[in-house]
Amino acid sequence: MSEVDLRAAAYVHPSAHIYGRVKAHEGSSIWINAAIRAEAAHVEIGRFTNIQDFVMIHTDPGRPVVIGDYCSITHHATIHGSTIGNNVLVGINATIYGGSHIGDNSIVGQHAYVKDGTIVPPNSIVVGAPAKVIRMANNWVANRMNALFYHRNALAYAAGDHRAWEGPEFERWMAETLAELTEAFHALEATP
């Protein structure tokens, strides 16, 4: 029985293949030829998270895929039975496998292979195959900005506009959004 709930998504491309128990939260987007199969456990896609072109998400028995808020799962990435925290960017062609957990505000580099059961702490930059943490850095601003780019694009695509990332209005939006995020990040850091 399929329990796909995409009502809160900002945009789901018609070529996306989504099966099983899948829930997409407010402002999320699922792009061209993404494949989500949830036969054995559920898939949950957080608020303002984007699942980009050709991403593969799959579950295992007892291992759902839970992706947090403001994440970017970029082109050709694979997420298999794992948990992704909030404000995470998973790079192009990265694979996150079986029971892994990626902490908040992290970046998983392109082509990284995160092997079974890997626990990545928050604020990590992870690269390689097998993947290793090479540096600690809070990527909250950059990762959230990327997610908001995709949210803006999702709204544009839903309206039939495929050129949302150009022109003076976009440049103004980008500068204002980056300033707001930077201010919000500094306020978060100052909170005990």
N, C-alpha and C. Protein backbone atom coordinates (compact mmCIF):
# COMPACT_ATOMS: atom_id res chain seq x y z
N MET A 1 0.84 -1.19 0.00
CA MET A 1 0.00 0.00 0.00
C MET A 1 0.89 1.25 0.00
N SER A 2 0.60 2.15 -0.87
CA SER A 2 1.39 3.38 -0.97
C SER A 2 0.81 4.45 -0.05
N GLU A 3 1.68 5.13 0.66
CA GLU A 3 1.28 6.22 1.55
C GLU A 3 2.15 7.43 1.25
N VAL A 4 2.16 7.86 0.01
CA VAL A 4 2.98 8.99 -0.40
C VAL A 4 2.22 10.28 -0.10
N ASP A 5 2.85 11.18 0.67
CA ASP A 5 2.23 12.45 1.04
C ASP A 5 3.18 13.58 0.62
N LEU A 6 2.84 14.20 -0.49
CA LEU A 6 3.66 15.28 -1.04
C LEU A 6 2.93 16.62 -1.00
N ARG A 7 1.84 16.69 -0.24
CA ARG A 7 0.99 17.89 -0.26
C ARG A 7 1.71 19.15 0.17
N ALA A 8 2.68 19.05 1.07
CA ALA A 8 3.36 20.25 1.58
C ALA A 8 4.56 20.65 0.74
N ALA A 9 4.94 19.82 -0.22
CA ALA A 9 6.11 20.12 -1.06
C ALA A 9 5.85 21.35 -1.91
N ALA A 10 6.92 22.12 -2.15
CA ALA A 10 6.81 23.27 -3.03
C ALA A 10 6.77 22.84 -4.49
N TYR A 11 7.47 21.74 -4.80
CA TYR A 11 7.54 21.28 -6.19
C TYR A 11 7.99 19.83 -6.22
N VAL A 12 7.31 19.03 -7.04
CA VAL A 12 7.73 17.67 -7.33
C VAL A 12 7.69 17.51 -8.84
N HIS A 13 8.84 17.24 -9.44
CA HIS A 13 8.89 17.08 -10.90
C HIS A 13 8.12 15.82 -11.31
N PRO A 14 7.39 15.89 -12.42
CA PRO A 14 6.58 14.74 -12.82
C PRO A 14 7.38 13.47 -13.12
N SER A 15 8.68 13.59 -13.37
CA SER A 15 9.49 12.40 -13.67
C SER A 15 9.99 11.69 -12.42
N ALA A 16 9.78 12.27 -11.24
CA ALA A 16 10.23 11.62 -10.00
C ALA A 16 9.41 10.35 -9.77
N HIS A 17 10.08 9.30 -9.29
CA HIS A 17 9.44 8.01 -9.01
C HIS A 17 9.45 7.82 -7.50
N ILE A 18 8.27 7.80 -6.90
CA ILE A 18 8.16 7.79 -5.43
C ILE A 18 7.17 6.71 -5.02
N TYR A 19 7.65 5.74 -4.20
CA TYR A 19 6.83 4.59 -3.85
C TYR A 19 6.96 4.27 -2.36
N GLY A 20 5.87 3.74 -1.78
CA GLY A 20 5.89 3.29 -0.40
C GLY A 20 5.36 4.34 0.54
N ARG A 21 5.99 4.46 1.72
CA ARG A 21 5.56 5.44 2.73
C ARG A 21 6.57 6.58 2.74
N VAL A 22 6.20 7.67 2.08
CA VAL A 22 7.10 8.82 1.89
C VAL A 22 6.33 10.08 2.26
N LYS A 23 6.96 10.92 3.08
CA LYS A 23 6.34 12.21 3.45
C LYS A 23 7.34 13.31 3.17
N ALA A 24 6.89 14.33 2.44
CA ALA A 24 7.69 15.52 2.16
C ALA A 24 7.07 16.69 2.91
N HIS A 25 7.89 17.41 3.67
CA HIS A 25 7.40 18.50 4.50
C HIS A 25 7.44 19.84 3.77
N GLU A 26 6.96 20.87 4.45
CA GLU A 26 6.77 22.21 3.90
C GLU A 26 7.98 22.72 3.12
N GLY A 27 7.71 23.18 1.90
CA GLY A 27 8.73 23.85 1.10
C GLY A 27 9.76 22.94 0.48
N SER A 28 9.62 21.63 0.66
CA SER A 28 10.61 20.70 0.09
C SER A 28 10.40 20.59 -1.42
N SER A 29 11.39 19.99 -2.09
CA SER A 29 11.28 19.80 -3.54
C SER A 29 11.97 18.51 -3.94
N ILE A 30 11.40 17.85 -4.96
CA ILE A 30 11.93 16.61 -5.48
C ILE A 30 12.05 16.80 -6.98
N TRP A 31 13.26 16.61 -7.49
CA TRP A 31 13.59 17.05 -8.84
C TRP A 31 13.62 15.91 -9.85
N ILE A 32 14.12 16.20 -11.03
CA ILE A 32 14.04 15.37 -12.22
C ILE A 32 14.65 13.99 -11.98
N ASN A 33 13.85 12.96 -12.27
CA ASN A 33 14.28 11.56 -12.22
C ASN A 33 14.80 11.10 -10.86
N ALA A 34 14.41 11.77 -9.79
CA ALA A 34 14.72 11.24 -8.46
C ALA A 34 13.91 9.96 -8.25
N ALA A 35 14.50 9.02 -7.51
CA ALA A 35 13.81 7.76 -7.22
C ALA A 35 13.81 7.55 -5.71
N ILE A 36 12.61 7.37 -5.16
CA ILE A 36 12.46 7.13 -3.72
C ILE A 36 11.62 5.87 -3.56
N ARG A 37 12.24 4.84 -2.96
CA ARG A 37 11.54 3.58 -2.73
C ARG A 37 11.57 3.27 -1.25
N ALA A 38 10.38 3.12 -0.70
CA ALA A 38 10.24 2.91 0.75
C ALA A 38 9.41 1.66 1.01
N GLU A 39 9.92 0.50 0.55
CA GLU A 39 9.18 -0.74 0.75
C GLU A 39 9.26 -1.23 2.18
N ALA A 40 10.40 -1.04 2.84
CA ALA A 40 10.67 -1.70 4.11
C ALA A 40 10.58 -0.79 5.32
N ALA A 41 10.67 0.49 5.13
CA ALA A 41 10.61 1.49 6.21
C ALA A 41 10.17 2.79 5.55
N HIS A 42 10.01 3.85 6.34
CA HIS A 42 9.51 5.10 5.77
C HIS A 42 10.65 6.02 5.34
N VAL A 43 10.28 7.00 4.51
CA VAL A 43 11.18 8.09 4.11
C VAL A 43 10.51 9.39 4.52
N GLU A 44 11.29 10.24 5.18
CA GLU A 44 10.78 11.55 5.59
C GLU A 44 11.75 12.62 5.09
N ILE A 45 11.22 13.60 4.38
CA ILE A 45 12.01 14.68 3.80
C ILE A 45 11.63 15.97 4.52
N GLY A 46 12.61 16.60 5.15
CA GLY A 46 12.36 17.76 6.00
C GLY A 46 11.96 19.03 5.26
N ARG A 47 11.66 20.04 6.05
CA ARG A 47 11.22 21.33 5.52
C ARG A 47 12.32 21.98 4.70
N PHE A 48 11.95 22.51 3.54
CA PHE A 48 12.84 23.27 2.66
C PHE A 48 14.06 22.46 2.22
N THR A 49 13.92 21.15 2.22
CA THR A 49 14.97 20.25 1.75
C THR A 49 14.74 19.93 0.29
N ASN A 50 15.82 19.85 -0.48
CA ASN A 50 15.70 19.53 -1.89
C ASN A 50 16.38 18.20 -2.19
N ILE A 51 15.68 17.39 -2.97
CA ILE A 51 16.17 16.10 -3.46
C ILE A 51 16.38 16.32 -4.96
N GLN A 52 17.64 16.45 -5.37
CA GLN A 52 17.94 16.91 -6.72
C GLN A 52 17.89 15.78 -7.76
N ASP A 53 18.19 16.14 -9.00
CA ASP A 53 18.09 15.25 -10.15
C ASP A 53 18.86 13.95 -9.94
N PHE A 54 18.19 12.83 -10.23
CA PHE A 54 18.78 11.49 -10.23
C PHE A 54 19.22 10.99 -8.85
N VAL A 55 18.74 11.61 -7.78
CA VAL A 55 19.02 11.09 -6.44
C VAL A 55 18.26 9.78 -6.24
N MET A 56 18.90 8.82 -5.55
CA MET A 56 18.26 7.56 -5.20
C MET A 56 18.18 7.46 -3.68
N ILE A 57 16.96 7.28 -3.17
CA ILE A 57 16.73 7.07 -1.74
C ILE A 57 16.03 5.73 -1.58
N HIS A 58 16.59 4.89 -0.69
CA HIS A 58 16.02 3.55 -0.51
C HIS A 58 16.14 3.16 0.95
N THR A 59 15.18 2.39 1.44
CA THR A 59 15.17 1.96 2.83
C THR A 59 15.52 0.48 2.93
N ASP A 60 15.84 0.06 4.15
CA ASP A 60 16.03 -1.35 4.51
C ASP A 60 15.08 -1.67 5.65
N PRO A 61 14.80 -2.94 5.91
CA PRO A 61 13.96 -3.26 7.07
C PRO A 61 14.56 -2.67 8.35
N GLY A 62 13.74 -1.89 9.05
CA GLY A 62 14.18 -1.26 10.29
C GLY A 62 15.11 -0.07 10.11
N ARG A 63 15.36 0.32 8.89
CA ARG A 63 16.24 1.46 8.62
C ARG A 63 15.56 2.45 7.68
N PRO A 64 14.79 3.37 8.25
CA PRO A 64 14.17 4.40 7.41
C PRO A 64 15.22 5.38 6.92
N VAL A 65 14.82 6.22 6.02
CA VAL A 65 15.63 7.38 5.62
C VAL A 65 14.92 8.61 6.15
N VAL A 66 15.61 9.34 7.02
CA VAL A 66 15.08 10.58 7.58
C VAL A 66 16.07 11.67 7.23
N ILE A 67 15.59 12.66 6.49
CA ILE A 67 16.42 13.79 6.07
C ILE A 67 15.85 15.04 6.73
N GLY A 68 16.72 15.79 7.40
CA GLY A 68 16.29 16.95 8.17
C GLY A 68 15.86 18.13 7.33
N ASP A 69 15.73 19.26 8.00
CA ASP A 69 15.31 20.51 7.37
C ASP A 69 16.49 21.21 6.71
N TYR A 70 16.20 21.94 5.63
CA TYR A 70 17.17 22.79 4.93
C TYR A 70 18.39 22.00 4.46
N CYS A 71 18.14 20.82 3.90
CA CYS A 71 19.21 20.00 3.35
C CYS A 71 19.18 20.05 1.83
N SER A 72 20.34 19.84 1.23
CA SER A 72 20.45 19.68 -0.21
C SER A 72 21.09 18.32 -0.48
N ILE A 73 20.32 17.44 -1.10
CA ILE A 73 20.84 16.14 -1.52
C ILE A 73 21.05 16.29 -3.02
N THR A 74 22.32 16.46 -3.42
CA THR A 74 22.60 16.92 -4.78
C THR A 74 22.63 15.76 -5.79
N HIS A 75 22.79 16.13 -7.03
CA HIS A 75 22.62 15.24 -8.18
C HIS A 75 23.34 13.89 -8.03
N HIS A 76 22.62 12.83 -8.31
CA HIS A 76 23.14 11.46 -8.35
C HIS A 76 23.57 10.91 -6.99
N ALA A 77 23.28 11.59 -5.90
CA ALA A 77 23.61 11.05 -4.58
C ALA A 77 22.69 9.87 -4.26
N THR A 78 23.18 8.98 -3.39
CA THR A 78 22.40 7.83 -2.93
C THR A 78 22.35 7.87 -1.40
N ILE A 79 21.14 7.80 -0.87
CA ILE A 79 20.94 7.71 0.58
C ILE A 79 20.23 6.39 0.83
N HIS A 80 20.85 5.51 1.62
CA HIS A 80 20.31 4.17 1.81
C HIS A 80 20.18 3.88 3.30
N GLY A 81 18.95 3.85 3.80
CA GLY A 81 18.69 3.49 5.18
C GLY A 81 19.48 4.28 6.20
N SER A 82 19.55 5.59 6.04
CA SER A 82 20.39 6.44 6.90
C SER A 82 19.63 7.68 7.34
N THR A 83 20.24 8.43 8.25
CA THR A 83 19.66 9.65 8.79
C THR A 83 20.57 10.82 8.47
N ILE A 84 19.98 11.89 7.97
CA ILE A 84 20.71 13.12 7.64
C ILE A 84 20.15 14.21 8.55
N GLY A 85 21.03 14.91 9.28
CA GLY A 85 20.59 15.96 10.19
C GLY A 85 20.07 17.18 9.45
N ASN A 86 19.92 18.29 10.16
CA ASN A 86 19.46 19.55 9.57
C ASN A 86 20.63 20.32 8.95
N ASN A 87 20.33 21.09 7.92
CA ASN A 87 21.32 21.98 7.29
C ASN A 87 22.54 21.20 6.79
N VAL A 88 22.29 20.12 6.08
CA VAL A 88 23.37 19.27 5.55
C VAL A 88 23.36 19.37 4.03
N LEU A 89 24.54 19.40 3.44
CA LEU A 89 24.69 19.30 1.99
C LEU A 89 25.40 17.99 1.69
N VAL A 90 24.76 17.16 0.86
CA VAL A 90 25.35 15.91 0.40
C VAL A 90 25.75 16.13 -1.05
N GLY A 91 27.04 16.00 -1.34
CA GLY A 91 27.58 16.35 -2.65
C GLY A 91 27.21 15.39 -3.77
N ILE A 92 27.47 15.83 -4.98
CA ILE A 92 27.17 15.08 -6.19
C ILE A 92 27.84 13.70 -6.14
N ASN A 93 27.06 12.67 -6.44
CA ASN A 93 27.52 11.28 -6.50
C ASN A 93 27.97 10.71 -5.16
N ALA A 94 27.68 11.37 -4.06
CA ALA A 94 28.02 10.79 -2.75
C ALA A 94 27.06 9.65 -2.44
N THR A 95 27.54 8.69 -1.65
CA THR A 95 26.73 7.57 -1.19
C THR A 95 26.79 7.51 0.32
N ILE A 96 25.63 7.47 0.95
CA ILE A 96 25.53 7.34 2.40
C ILE A 96 24.77 6.06 2.66
N TYR A 97 25.43 5.12 3.34
CA TYR A 97 24.91 3.76 3.37
C TYR A 97 24.53 3.29 4.76
N GLY A 98 23.61 2.34 4.78
CA GLY A 98 23.15 1.52 5.86
C GLY A 98 23.38 1.97 7.30
N GLY A 99 22.43 2.67 7.88
CA GLY A 99 22.50 3.00 9.29
C GLY A 99 23.46 4.12 9.64
N SER A 100 23.93 4.85 8.66
CA SER A 100 24.81 5.99 8.93
C SER A 100 23.99 7.17 9.44
N HIS A 101 24.67 8.09 10.11
CA HIS A 101 24.03 9.31 10.60
C HIS A 101 24.96 10.48 10.33
N ILE A 102 24.46 11.47 9.61
CA ILE A 102 25.24 12.68 9.30
C ILE A 102 24.73 13.80 10.20
N GLY A 103 25.62 14.37 11.01
CA GLY A 103 25.24 15.41 11.96
C GLY A 103 24.89 16.74 11.31
N ASP A 104 24.17 17.57 12.04
CA ASP A 104 23.72 18.89 11.57
C ASP A 104 24.89 19.71 11.03
N ASN A 105 24.58 20.55 10.05
CA ASN A 105 25.50 21.57 9.52
C ASN A 105 26.74 20.99 8.86
N SER A 106 26.65 19.77 8.37
CA SER A 106 27.80 19.10 7.77
C SER A 106 27.74 19.15 6.25
N ILE A 107 28.88 18.89 5.63
CA ILE A 107 28.99 18.73 4.19
C ILE A 107 29.62 17.37 3.93
N VAL A 108 28.95 16.57 3.09
CA VAL A 108 29.52 15.32 2.60
C VAL A 108 29.96 15.62 1.17
N GLY A 109 31.26 15.53 0.92
CA GLY A 109 31.81 15.92 -0.38
C GLY A 109 31.37 15.04 -1.53
N GLN A 110 31.52 15.58 -2.73
CA GLN A 110 31.15 14.82 -3.92
C GLN A 110 31.95 13.53 -4.00
N HIS A 111 31.31 12.48 -4.46
CA HIS A 111 31.89 11.14 -4.62
C HIS A 111 32.29 10.47 -3.31
N ALA A 112 31.95 11.04 -2.16
CA ALA A 112 32.27 10.40 -0.88
C ALA A 112 31.47 9.11 -0.74
N TYR A 113 32.07 8.14 -0.07
CA TYR A 113 31.36 6.91 0.27
C TYR A 113 31.35 6.76 1.79
N VAL A 114 30.19 7.01 2.38
CA VAL A 114 30.02 6.90 3.83
C VAL A 114 29.53 5.47 4.08
N LYS A 115 30.43 4.65 4.65
CA LYS A 115 30.11 3.22 4.78
C LYS A 115 29.14 2.95 5.93
N ASP A 116 28.63 1.72 5.95
CA ASP A 116 27.62 1.28 6.91
C ASP A 116 27.93 1.74 8.33
N GLY A 117 26.93 2.30 8.99
CA GLY A 117 27.01 2.59 10.40
C GLY A 117 27.90 3.75 10.80
N THR A 118 28.34 4.55 9.86
CA THR A 118 29.22 5.68 10.17
C THR A 118 28.43 6.77 10.88
N ILE A 119 28.99 7.29 11.96
CA ILE A 119 28.39 8.42 12.68
C ILE A 119 29.28 9.63 12.43
N VAL A 120 28.74 10.62 11.76
CA VAL A 120 29.47 11.85 11.46
C VAL A 120 28.99 12.91 12.43
N PRO A 121 29.89 13.50 13.21
CA PRO A 121 29.46 14.52 14.18
C PRO A 121 28.98 15.79 13.49
N PRO A 122 28.19 16.61 14.18
CA PRO A 122 27.76 17.89 13.62
C PRO A 122 28.96 18.74 13.20
N ASN A 123 28.73 19.61 12.22
CA ASN A 123 29.72 20.60 11.78
C ASN A 123 30.96 19.95 11.17
N SER A 124 30.76 18.88 10.42
CA SER A 124 31.87 18.15 9.81
C SER A 124 31.93 18.39 8.31
N ILE A 125 33.13 18.28 7.77
CA ILE A 125 33.33 18.19 6.33
C ILE A 125 33.93 16.82 6.09
N VAL A 126 33.23 16.03 5.26
CA VAL A 126 33.53 14.62 5.09
C VAL A 126 33.84 14.37 3.62
N VAL A 127 34.97 13.71 3.34
CA VAL A 127 35.33 13.40 1.95
C VAL A 127 35.96 12.01 1.89
N GLY A 128 36.06 11.49 0.66
CA GLY A 128 36.80 10.27 0.41
C GLY A 128 35.97 9.02 0.37
N ALA A 129 36.67 7.92 0.01
CA ALA A 129 36.04 6.61 -0.06
C ALA A 129 37.02 5.58 0.49
N PRO A 130 36.83 5.12 1.72
CA PRO A 130 35.71 5.46 2.59
C PRO A 130 35.83 6.89 3.12
N ALA A 131 34.71 7.48 3.43
CA ALA A 131 34.67 8.88 3.85
C ALA A 131 35.27 9.06 5.24
N LYS A 132 35.96 10.19 5.41
CA LYS A 132 36.54 10.57 6.69
C LYS A 132 36.30 12.05 6.92
N VAL A 133 36.18 12.43 8.18
CA VAL A 133 36.06 13.84 8.54
C VAL A 133 37.44 14.46 8.36
N ILE A 134 37.53 15.49 7.51
CA ILE A 134 38.83 16.14 7.30
C ILE A 134 38.94 17.48 8.02
N ARG A 135 37.77 18.02 8.39
CA ARG A 135 37.79 19.32 9.06
C ARG A 135 36.47 19.52 9.76
N MET A 136 36.50 20.32 10.82
CA MET A 136 35.28 20.71 11.52
C MET A 136 35.00 22.16 11.18
N ALA A 137 33.78 22.44 10.74
CA ALA A 137 33.35 23.80 10.43
C ALA A 137 31.83 23.82 10.44
N ASN A 138 31.25 24.85 11.02
CA ASN A 138 29.80 24.99 11.03
C ASN A 138 29.38 25.58 9.69
N ASN A 139 28.71 24.76 8.89
CA ASN A 139 28.32 25.14 7.53
C ASN A 139 26.87 25.61 7.45
N TRP A 140 26.33 26.08 8.57
CA TRP A 140 24.92 26.46 8.65
C TRP A 140 24.53 27.47 7.58
N VAL A 141 25.29 28.55 7.45
CA VAL A 141 24.91 29.61 6.51
C VAL A 141 24.95 29.11 5.07
N ALA A 142 26.06 28.51 4.66
CA ALA A 142 26.20 28.06 3.27
C ALA A 142 25.16 27.00 2.92
N ASN A 143 24.96 26.04 3.82
CA ASN A 143 24.02 24.96 3.52
C ASN A 143 22.58 25.44 3.50
N ARG A 144 22.24 26.34 4.41
CA ARG A 144 20.88 26.89 4.42
C ARG A 144 20.66 27.76 3.18
N MET A 145 21.67 28.53 2.79
CA MET A 145 21.54 29.36 1.59
C MET A 145 21.28 28.48 0.37
N ASN A 146 22.00 27.38 0.25
CA ASN A 146 21.80 26.47 -0.88
C ASN A 146 20.37 25.92 -0.88
N ALA A 147 19.88 25.54 0.30
CA ALA A 147 18.51 25.04 0.39
C ALA A 147 17.49 26.10 -0.02
N LEU A 148 17.75 27.35 0.36
CA LEU A 148 16.83 28.43 -0.01
C LEU A 148 16.89 28.76 -1.50
N PHE A 149 18.08 28.61 -2.12
CA PHE A 149 18.16 28.72 -3.59
C PHE A 149 17.19 27.74 -4.23
N TYR A 150 17.24 26.50 -3.73
CA TYR A 150 16.40 25.47 -4.33
C TYR A 150 14.93 25.68 -4.01
N HIS A 151 14.62 26.23 -2.85
CA HIS A 151 13.21 26.53 -2.56
C HIS A 151 12.70 27.60 -3.53
N ARG A 152 13.51 28.62 -3.73
CA ARG A 152 13.14 29.67 -4.69
C ARG A 152 12.93 29.07 -6.08
N ASN A 153 13.84 28.18 -6.48
CA ASN A 153 13.73 27.55 -7.78
C ASN A 153 12.49 26.66 -7.87
N ALA A 154 12.18 25.97 -6.77
CA ALA A 154 10.99 25.11 -6.75
C ALA A 154 9.72 25.93 -6.99
N LEU A 155 9.62 27.06 -6.32
CA LEU A 155 8.45 27.92 -6.52
C LEU A 155 8.38 28.43 -7.96
N ALA A 156 9.54 28.75 -8.52
CA ALA A 156 9.59 29.23 -9.91
C ALA A 156 9.17 28.12 -10.87
N TYR A 157 9.72 26.92 -10.68
CA TYR A 157 9.34 25.80 -11.56
C TYR A 157 7.86 25.50 -11.46
N ALA A 158 7.32 25.56 -10.27
CA ALA A 158 5.88 25.31 -10.09
C ALA A 158 5.05 26.32 -10.89
N ALA A 159 5.61 27.51 -11.10
CA ALA A 159 4.92 28.56 -11.86
C ALA A 159 5.33 28.56 -13.34
N GLY A 160 6.17 27.61 -13.75
CA GLY A 160 6.59 27.53 -15.15
C GLY A 160 7.79 28.39 -15.51
N ASP A 161 8.47 28.95 -14.51
CA ASP A 161 9.65 29.80 -14.74
C ASP A 161 10.90 28.97 -14.50
N HIS A 162 11.69 28.76 -15.56
CA HIS A 162 12.88 27.93 -15.45
C HIS A 162 14.17 28.76 -15.44
N ARG A 163 14.08 30.03 -15.13
CA ARG A 163 15.26 30.91 -15.10
C ARG A 163 15.25 31.77 -13.84
N ALA A 164 15.05 31.15 -12.70
CA ALA A 164 14.88 31.91 -11.46
C ALA A 164 16.19 32.38 -10.84
N TRP A 165 17.32 31.96 -11.40
CA TRP A 165 18.61 32.28 -10.79
C TRP A 165 19.38 33.31 -11.60
N GLU A 166 18.70 34.23 -12.22
CA GLU A 166 19.41 35.27 -12.98
C GLU A 166 18.69 36.60 -12.87
N GLY A 167 19.43 37.65 -13.14
CA GLY A 167 18.83 38.99 -13.19
C GLY A 167 18.99 39.76 -11.91
N PRO A 168 18.70 41.06 -11.98
CA PRO A 168 18.90 41.93 -10.82
C PRO A 168 18.02 41.58 -9.63
N GLU A 169 16.80 41.11 -9.87
CA GLU A 169 15.92 40.75 -8.76
C GLU A 169 16.50 39.57 -8.00
N PHE A 170 17.07 38.59 -8.71
CA PHE A 170 17.71 37.45 -8.07
C PHE A 170 18.93 37.90 -7.28
N GLU A 171 19.74 38.77 -7.86
CA GLU A 171 20.94 39.26 -7.17
C GLU A 171 20.56 39.98 -5.87
N ARG A 172 19.50 40.76 -5.93
CA ARG A 172 19.01 41.47 -4.73
C ARG A 172 18.53 40.46 -3.68
N TRP A 173 17.74 39.47 -4.12
CA TRP A 173 17.26 38.44 -3.21
C TRP A 173 18.44 37.70 -2.55
N MET A 174 19.43 37.36 -3.36
CA MET A 174 20.58 36.63 -2.85
C MET A 174 21.33 37.43 -1.78
N ALA A 175 21.58 38.70 -2.05
CA ALA A 175 22.30 39.54 -1.09
C ALA A 175 21.50 39.72 0.20
N GLU A 176 20.20 39.97 0.07
CA GLU A 176 19.35 40.15 1.26
C GLU A 176 19.25 38.86 2.07
N THR A 177 19.07 37.74 1.39
CA THR A 177 18.93 36.46 2.09
C THR A 177 20.22 36.08 2.80
N LEU A 178 21.35 36.28 2.14
CA LEU A 178 22.64 35.97 2.76
C LEU A 178 22.87 36.84 3.99
N ALA A 179 22.52 38.12 3.92
CA ALA A 179 22.67 39.01 5.07
C ALA A 179 21.77 38.56 6.22
N GLU A 180 20.53 38.18 5.91
CA GLU A 180 19.61 37.71 6.96
C GLU A 180 20.12 36.42 7.61
N LEU A 181 20.62 35.49 6.80
CA LEU A 181 21.12 34.24 7.34
C LEU A 181 22.36 34.47 8.21
N THR A 182 23.24 35.34 7.76
CA THR A 182 24.45 35.63 8.54
C THR A 182 24.09 36.24 9.88
N GLU A 183 23.14 37.15 9.88
CA GLU A 183 22.67 37.76 11.13
C GLU A 183 22.04 36.70 12.05
N ALA A 184 21.22 35.83 11.47
CA ALA A 184 20.57 34.78 12.26
C ALA A 184 21.61 33.82 12.84
N PHE A 185 22.64 33.53 12.07
CA PHE A 185 23.69 32.60 12.53
C PHE A 185 24.44 33.22 13.70
N HIS A 186 24.78 34.50 13.61
CA HIS A 186 25.48 35.17 14.71
C HIS A 186 24.60 35.20 15.97
N ALA A 187 23.31 35.39 15.79
CA ALA A 187 22.40 35.37 16.94
C ALA A 187 22.37 33.97 17.58
N LEU A 188 22.37 32.92 16.75
CA LEU A 188 22.41 31.55 17.26
C LEU A 188 23.70 31.29 18.04
N GLU A 189 24.82 31.76 17.50
CA GLU A 189 26.10 31.56 18.17
C GLU A 189 26.16 32.27 19.52
N ALA A 190 25.49 33.43 19.60
CA ALA A 190 25.53 34.23 20.83
C ALA A 190 24.62 33.66 21.91
N THR A 191 23.69 32.76 21.53
CA THR A 191 22.76 32.17 22.49
C THR A 191 23.47 31.11 23.31
N PRO A 192 23.45 31.23 24.65
CA PRO A 192 24.13 30.22 25.47
C PRO A 192 23.45 28.88 25.44
